[in-house]
Amino acid sequence: MNTSNKLDGEGPIRIVPPQVIPSVPDQRSTASSATLPWPYDPKADHNAGYSTRTTTIIKVEPLPAGTTDINTLEAGWNYVDEGKIVVYGAIDPIPTARQKIAELGVFAKGLTSRTLKSRSARRAFYRELAELNRDLARHRVSRALRTIQSELLPRVDGFVLRGKLDRNDWVVNADAQRHCYWALQEIATLLRAAK
């Protein structure tokens, strides 16, 4: 319980089963101070072992040939422990990735000279996006993913990762750079699903 007499813990939705041995409310074991209201009592029943943890698994039917169902009794707990969301089945992320690349190209085309480091940065950005499209048209997913990770993300990550412009950044406006960075991360996520 927190100082507002509300549950303090994981997520907006949780199942709190009744305690096997009823006891007063208390803080979690990792509470920062023993002087907080309702200090943690190691002898109390905290019903943690009875609390439900979940993962989201989405199956898109029909399953393609060679795809098997996930055995949630065996594999499910690993997904819970890693906090994963799993989507599998009849999905092809390549067309969506190509659409996202095109959208990023339109966004990049609209960038002004004040938002880009130089004209050569604009040309390099377009060249890399065109290369991504060519790679995906030829189903070279691993190569496209490497291009994103080694050529594109390092050129738009200063504000996102360090809160300031990096010397090698192509996009010099914070908002525009964040837009490019997260668009590239979304494309990379789609490509990882395609591997």
C-alpha atoms as a PDB file:
ATOM      1  CA  MET A   1       0.000   0.000   0.000  1.00  0.00           C
ATOM      2  CA  ASN A   2       1.270   3.511  -0.688  1.00  0.00           C
ATOM      3  CA  THR A   3       0.711   6.680   1.337  1.00  0.00           C
ATOM      4  CA  SER A   4      -2.576   7.256  -0.525  1.00  0.00           C
ATOM      5  CA  ASN A   5      -3.817   3.853   0.707  1.00  0.00           C
ATOM      6  CA  LYS A   6      -3.623   2.392  -2.816  1.00  0.00           C
ATOM      7  CA  LEU A   7      -1.895  -0.729  -4.102  1.00  0.00           C
ATOM      8  CA  ASP A   8       1.728  -0.094  -5.032  1.00  0.00           C
ATOM      9  CA  GLY A   9       3.014  -2.556  -7.598  1.00  0.00           C
ATOM     10  CA  GLU A  10       3.031  -3.739 -11.203  1.00  0.00           C
ATOM     11  CA  GLY A  11       0.675  -2.528 -13.877  1.00  0.00           C
ATOM     12  CA  PRO A  12      -2.708  -0.826 -13.986  1.00  0.00           C
ATOM     13  CA  ILE A  13      -4.614  -4.118 -13.794  1.00  0.00           C
ATOM     14  CA  ARG A  14      -3.789  -6.900 -11.400  1.00  0.00           C
ATOM     15  CA  ILE A  15      -5.472  -9.801  -9.669  1.00  0.00           C
ATOM     16  CA  VAL A  16      -5.124  -9.705  -5.914  1.00  0.00           C
ATOM     17  CA  PRO A  17      -6.238 -13.033  -4.475  1.00  0.00           C
ATOM     18  CA  PRO A  18      -7.356 -13.223  -0.864  1.00  0.00           C
ATOM     19  CA  GLN A  19      -4.555 -13.883   1.578  1.00  0.00           C
ATOM     20  CA  VAL A  20      -4.353 -17.417   2.899  1.00  0.00           C
ATOM     21  CA  ILE A  21      -3.492 -15.981   6.320  1.00  0.00           C
ATOM     22  CA  PRO A  22      -5.250 -12.600   6.687  1.00  0.00           C
ATOM     23  CA  SER A  23      -2.912  -9.824   7.821  1.00  0.00           C
ATOM     24  CA  VAL A  24      -2.626  -6.042   7.762  1.00  0.00           C
ATOM     25  CA  PRO A  25      -1.576  -4.300   4.527  1.00  0.00           C
ATOM     26  CA  ASP A  26       2.128  -3.548   4.177  1.00  0.00           C
ATOM     27  CA  GLN A  27       4.774  -2.198   1.807  1.00  0.00           C
ATOM     28  CA  ARG A  28       6.520  -4.438  -0.693  1.00  0.00           C
ATOM     29  CA  SER A  29       9.851  -5.975   0.305  1.00  0.00           C
ATOM     30  CA  THR A  30      11.781  -3.485  -1.830  1.00  0.00           C
ATOM     31  CA  ALA A  31      10.208  -0.406  -0.198  1.00  0.00           C
ATOM     32  CA  SER A  32      12.770   2.353   0.170  1.00  0.00           C
ATOM     33  CA  SER A  33      12.162   3.130   3.827  1.00  0.00           C
ATOM     34  CA  ALA A  34      11.064   1.221   6.885  1.00  0.00           C
ATOM     35  CA  THR A  35       9.461   4.427   8.206  1.00  0.00           C
ATOM     36  CA  LEU A  36       6.750   4.362   5.531  1.00  0.00           C
ATOM     37  CA  PRO A  37       3.215   3.547   6.700  1.00  0.00           C
ATOM     38  CA  TRP A  38       2.632  -0.186   6.984  1.00  0.00           C
ATOM     39  CA  PRO A  39       6.298  -1.333   6.916  1.00  0.00           C
ATOM     40  CA  TYR A  40       7.092  -4.614   5.203  1.00  0.00           C
ATOM     41  CA  ASP A  41       6.479  -7.631   7.424  1.00  0.00           C
ATOM     42  CA  PRO A  42       8.456 -10.701   6.275  1.00  0.00           C
ATOM     43  CA  LYS A  43       6.244 -12.989   8.404  1.00  0.00           C
ATOM     44  CA  ALA A  44       2.993 -11.879   6.753  1.00  0.00           C
ATOM     45  CA  ASP A  45       1.285 -13.722   3.902  1.00  0.00           C
ATOM     46  CA  HIS A  46       2.012 -11.602   0.824  1.00  0.00           C
ATOM     47  CA  ASN A  47       0.178 -13.947  -1.586  1.00  0.00           C
ATOM     48  CA  ALA A  48       2.786 -13.186  -4.276  1.00  0.00           C
ATOM     49  CA  GLY A  49       2.957 -16.825  -5.283  1.00  0.00           C
ATOM     50  CA  TYR A  50      -0.766 -16.784  -5.967  1.00  0.00           C
ATOM     51  CA  SER A  51      -0.770 -13.592  -8.075  1.00  0.00           C
ATOM     52  CA  THR A  52      -1.315 -13.946 -11.784  1.00  0.00           C
ATOM     53  CA  ARG A  53       1.282 -12.886 -14.363  1.00  0.00           C
ATOM     54  CA  THR A  54       0.387 -12.820 -18.034  1.00  0.00           C
ATOM     55  CA  THR A  55       1.793 -12.483 -21.502  1.00  0.00           C
ATOM     56  CA  THR A  56      -0.027 -11.531 -24.684  1.00  0.00           C
ATOM     57  CA  ILE A  57       0.128 -14.056 -27.498  1.00  0.00           C
ATOM     58  CA  ILE A  58      -1.684 -13.292 -30.745  1.00  0.00           C
ATOM     59  CA  LYS A  59      -2.089 -16.040 -33.327  1.00  0.00           C
ATOM     60  CA  VAL A  60      -2.992 -14.900 -36.860  1.00  0.00           C
ATOM     61  CA  GLU A  61      -4.727 -17.688 -38.748  1.00  0.00           C
ATOM     62  CA  PRO A  62      -4.327 -19.581 -40.955  1.00  0.00           C
ATOM     63  CA  LEU A  63      -0.917 -20.714 -39.801  1.00  0.00           C
ATOM     64  CA  PRO A  64       1.525 -20.946 -42.727  1.00  0.00           C
ATOM     65  CA  ALA A  65       2.979 -24.349 -43.564  1.00  0.00           C
ATOM     66  CA  GLY A  66       5.748 -25.240 -41.152  1.00  0.00           C
ATOM     67  CA  THR A  67       4.426 -22.989 -38.370  1.00  0.00           C
ATOM     68  CA  THR A  68       3.393 -24.691 -35.154  1.00  0.00           C
ATOM     69  CA  ASP A  69       1.281 -23.442 -32.293  1.00  0.00           C
ATOM     70  CA  ILE A  70       3.024 -22.170 -29.196  1.00  0.00           C
ATOM     71  CA  ASN A  71       2.711 -24.606 -26.324  1.00  0.00           C
ATOM     72  CA  THR A  72       1.863 -22.066 -23.635  1.00  0.00           C
ATOM     73  CA  LEU A  73       2.293 -24.596 -20.838  1.00  0.00           C
ATOM     74  CA  GLU A  74       5.944 -25.031 -21.790  1.00  0.00           C
ATOM     75  CA  ALA A  75       6.971 -21.749 -23.425  1.00  0.00           C
ATOM     76  CA  GLY A  76       4.531 -19.316 -21.844  1.00  0.00           C
ATOM     77  CA  TRP A  77       6.466 -18.639 -18.643  1.00  0.00           C
ATOM     78  CA  ASN A  78       9.581 -17.571 -20.559  1.00  0.00           C
ATOM     79  CA  TYR A  79       7.486 -14.957 -22.362  1.00  0.00           C
ATOM     80  CA  VAL A  80       6.062 -13.773 -19.040  1.00  0.00           C
ATOM     81  CA  ASP A  81       9.528 -13.539 -17.453  1.00  0.00           C
ATOM     82  CA  GLU A  82      10.863 -11.553 -20.425  1.00  0.00           C
ATOM     83  CA  GLY A  83       7.786  -9.294 -20.650  1.00  0.00           C
ATOM     84  CA  LYS A  84       7.222 -10.221 -24.299  1.00  0.00           C
ATOM     85  CA  ILE A  85       4.288  -9.765 -26.611  1.00  0.00           C
ATOM     86  CA  VAL A  86       4.208 -12.542 -29.212  1.00  0.00           C
ATOM     87  CA  VAL A  87       2.486 -12.271 -32.588  1.00  0.00           C
ATOM     88  CA  TYR A  88       2.764 -15.257 -34.921  1.00  0.00           C
ATOM     89  CA  GLY A  89       1.077 -16.908 -37.852  1.00  0.00           C
ATOM     90  CA  ALA A  90      -0.041 -15.519 -41.203  1.00  0.00           C
ATOM     91  CA  ILE A  91       1.806 -12.211 -41.063  1.00  0.00           C
ATOM     92  CA  ASP A  92       4.246 -10.687 -43.526  1.00  0.00           C
ATOM     93  CA  PRO A  93       5.891  -7.595 -42.076  1.00  0.00           C
ATOM     94  CA  ILE A  94       7.846  -6.724 -45.262  1.00  0.00           C
ATOM     95  CA  PRO A  95       5.042  -4.765 -47.021  1.00  0.00           C
ATOM     96  CA  THR A  96       4.400  -2.802 -43.826  1.00  0.00           C
ATOM     97  CA  ALA A  97       8.127  -2.102 -43.414  1.00  0.00           C
ATOM     98  CA  ARG A  98       8.325  -0.826 -47.003  1.00  0.00           C
ATOM     99  CA  GLN A  99       5.320   1.418 -46.385  1.00  0.00           C
ATOM    100  CA  LYS A 100       6.986   2.804 -43.240  1.00  0.00           C
ATOM    101  CA  ILE A 101      10.197   3.455 -45.213  1.00  0.00           C
ATOM    102  CA  ALA A 102       8.174   5.368 -47.827  1.00  0.00           C
ATOM    103  CA  GLU A 103       6.488   7.411 -45.069  1.00  0.00           C
ATOM    104  CA  LEU A 104       9.871   8.196 -43.541  1.00  0.00           C
ATOM    105  CA  GLY A 105      11.107   9.264 -46.990  1.00  0.00           C
ATOM    106  CA  VAL A 106       8.168  11.684 -47.312  1.00  0.00           C
ATOM    107  CA  PHE A 107       8.927  13.044 -43.837  1.00  0.00           C
ATOM    108  CA  ALA A 108      12.624  13.421 -44.692  1.00  0.00           C
ATOM    109  CA  LYS A 109      11.753  15.211 -47.939  1.00  0.00           C
ATOM    110  CA  GLY A 110       9.840  17.793 -45.917  1.00  0.00           C
ATOM    111  CA  LEU A 111      12.795  18.574 -43.662  1.00  0.00           C
ATOM    112  CA  THR A 112      14.197  22.051 -44.168  1.00  0.00           C
ATOM    113  CA  SER A 113      17.858  23.012 -44.398  1.00  0.00           C
ATOM    114  CA  ARG A 114      17.661  24.169 -40.763  1.00  0.00           C
ATOM    115  CA  THR A 115      16.641  20.677 -39.590  1.00  0.00           C
ATOM    116  CA  LEU A 116      19.391  18.887 -41.508  1.00  0.00           C
ATOM    117  CA  LYS A 117      23.120  19.099 -40.976  1.00  0.00           C
ATOM    118  CA  SER A 118      23.845  19.683 -44.689  1.00  0.00           C
ATOM    119  CA  ARG A 119      22.755  18.917 -48.240  1.00  0.00           C
ATOM    120  CA  SER A 120      25.073  15.940 -48.236  1.00  0.00           C
ATOM    121  CA  ALA A 121      23.268  14.644 -45.109  1.00  0.00           C
ATOM    122  CA  ARG A 122      19.951  14.891 -47.000  1.00  0.00           C
ATOM    123  CA  ARG A 123      21.414  12.980 -49.983  1.00  0.00           C
ATOM    124  CA  ALA A 124      22.930  10.321 -47.698  1.00  0.00           C
ATOM    125  CA  PHE A 125      19.618   9.885 -45.855  1.00  0.00           C
ATOM    126  CA  TYR A 126      17.701   9.410 -49.125  1.00  0.00           C
ATOM    127  CA  ARG A 127      20.378   7.057 -50.454  1.00  0.00           C
ATOM    128  CA  GLU A 128      20.167   4.831 -47.361  1.00  0.00           C
ATOM    129  CA  LEU A 129      16.342   4.762 -47.440  1.00  0.00           C
ATOM    130  CA  ALA A 130      16.434   3.818 -51.150  1.00  0.00           C
ATOM    131  CA  GLU A 131      18.944   1.076 -50.324  1.00  0.00           C
ATOM    132  CA  LEU A 132      16.586  -0.259 -47.633  1.00  0.00           C
ATOM    133  CA  ASN A 133      13.771  -0.456 -50.168  1.00  0.00           C
ATOM    134  CA  ARG A 134      15.985  -2.270 -52.700  1.00  0.00           C
ATOM    135  CA  ASP A 135      17.117  -4.757 -50.069  1.00  0.00           C
ATOM    136  CA  LEU A 136      13.553  -5.514 -49.026  1.00  0.00           C
ATOM    137  CA  ALA A 137      12.429  -5.861 -52.655  1.00  0.00           C
ATOM    138  CA  ARG A 138      15.121  -8.560 -52.968  1.00  0.00           C
ATOM    139  CA  HIS A 139      14.195 -10.079 -49.575  1.00  0.00           C
ATOM    140  CA  ARG A 140      17.586  -9.200 -48.048  1.00  0.00           C
ATOM    141  CA  VAL A 141      16.138  -8.607 -44.609  1.00  0.00           C
ATOM    142  CA  SER A 142      19.340  -9.134 -42.615  1.00  0.00           C
ATOM    143  CA  ARG A 143      21.208  -6.653 -44.769  1.00  0.00           C
ATOM    144  CA  ALA A 144      18.419  -4.061 -44.415  1.00  0.00           C
ATOM    145  CA  LEU A 145      18.434  -4.530 -40.661  1.00  0.00           C
ATOM    146  CA  ARG A 146      22.213  -4.034 -40.550  1.00  0.00           C
ATOM    147  CA  THR A 147      21.828  -0.830 -42.592  1.00  0.00           C
ATOM    148  CA  ILE A 148      19.326   0.519 -40.084  1.00  0.00           C
ATOM    149  CA  GLN A 149      21.461  -0.415 -37.095  1.00  0.00           C
ATOM    150  CA  SER A 150      24.870   0.630 -38.403  1.00  0.00           C
ATOM    151  CA  GLU A 151      24.158   3.420 -40.910  1.00  0.00           C
ATOM    152  CA  LEU A 152      20.850   5.091 -40.066  1.00  0.00           C
ATOM    153  CA  LEU A 153      20.178   4.895 -36.327  1.00  0.00           C
ATOM    154  CA  PRO A 154      23.629   6.235 -35.350  1.00  0.00           C
ATOM    155  CA  ARG A 155      22.877   9.333 -37.502  1.00  0.00           C
ATOM    156  CA  VAL A 156      19.628  10.195 -35.678  1.00  0.00           C
ATOM    157  CA  ASP A 157      20.171   9.082 -32.091  1.00  0.00           C
ATOM    158  CA  GLY A 158      21.835  11.969 -30.226  1.00  0.00           C
ATOM    159  CA  PHE A 159      18.755  13.590 -28.717  1.00  0.00           C
ATOM    160  CA  VAL A 160      17.078  10.253 -27.973  1.00  0.00           C
ATOM    161  CA  LEU A 161      20.033   8.540 -26.297  1.00  0.00           C
ATOM    162  CA  ARG A 162      22.013  11.431 -24.835  1.00  0.00           C
ATOM    163  CA  GLY A 163      19.660  14.421 -24.859  1.00  0.00           C
ATOM    164  CA  LYS A 164      21.920  16.429 -27.185  1.00  0.00           C
ATOM    165  CA  LEU A 165      23.113  16.537 -30.768  1.00  0.00           C
ATOM    166  CA  ASP A 166      25.907  14.141 -31.754  1.00  0.00           C
ATOM    167  CA  ARG A 167      28.668  15.206 -34.109  1.00  0.00           C
ATOM    168  CA  ASN A 168      27.642  12.558 -36.671  1.00  0.00           C
ATOM    169  CA  ASP A 169      23.868  13.268 -36.593  1.00  0.00           C
ATOM    170  CA  TRP A 170      22.279  14.094 -39.946  1.00  0.00           C
ATOM    171  CA  VAL A 171      19.074  15.534 -38.460  1.00  0.00           C
ATOM    172  CA  VAL A 172      19.868  18.449 -36.134  1.00  0.00           C
ATOM    173  CA  ASN A 173      16.356  19.331 -34.912  1.00  0.00           C
ATOM    174  CA  ALA A 174      15.382  17.432 -31.747  1.00  0.00           C
ATOM    175  CA  ASP A 175      11.737  16.710 -32.679  1.00  0.00           C
ATOM    176  CA  ALA A 176      12.553  15.732 -36.266  1.00  0.00           C
ATOM    177  CA  GLN A 177      15.404  13.540 -35.072  1.00  0.00           C
ATOM    178  CA  ARG A 178      13.189  11.745 -32.552  1.00  0.00           C
ATOM    179  CA  HIS A 179      10.587  11.137 -35.262  1.00  0.00           C
ATOM    180  CA  CYS A 180      13.226   9.584 -37.560  1.00  0.00           C
ATOM    181  CA  TYR A 181      14.766   7.532 -34.754  1.00  0.00           C
ATOM    182  CA  TRP A 182      11.490   5.957 -33.637  1.00  0.00           C
ATOM    183  CA  ALA A 183      10.318   5.386 -37.228  1.00  0.00           C
ATOM    184  CA  LEU A 184      13.559   3.481 -37.880  1.00  0.00           C
ATOM    185  CA  GLN A 185      13.113   1.495 -34.660  1.00  0.00           C
ATOM    186  CA  GLU A 186       9.610   0.528 -35.797  1.00  0.00           C
ATOM    187  CA  ILE A 187      10.949  -0.593 -39.191  1.00  0.00           C
ATOM    188  CA  ALA A 188      13.725  -2.574 -37.476  1.00  0.00           C
ATOM    189  CA  THR A 189      11.143  -4.304 -35.268  1.00  0.00           C
ATOM    190  CA  LEU A 190       9.139  -5.307 -38.352  1.00  0.00           C
ATOM    191  CA  LEU A 191      12.294  -6.657 -40.005  1.00  0.00           C
ATOM    192  CA  ARG A 192      13.243  -8.685 -36.929  1.00  0.00           C
ATOM    193  CA  ALA A 193       9.797 -10.310 -37.124  1.00  0.00           C
ATOM    194  CA  ALA A 194      10.463 -11.147 -40.786  1.00  0.00           C
ATOM    195  CA  LYS A 195      13.703 -13.020 -40.086  1.00  0.00           C
END
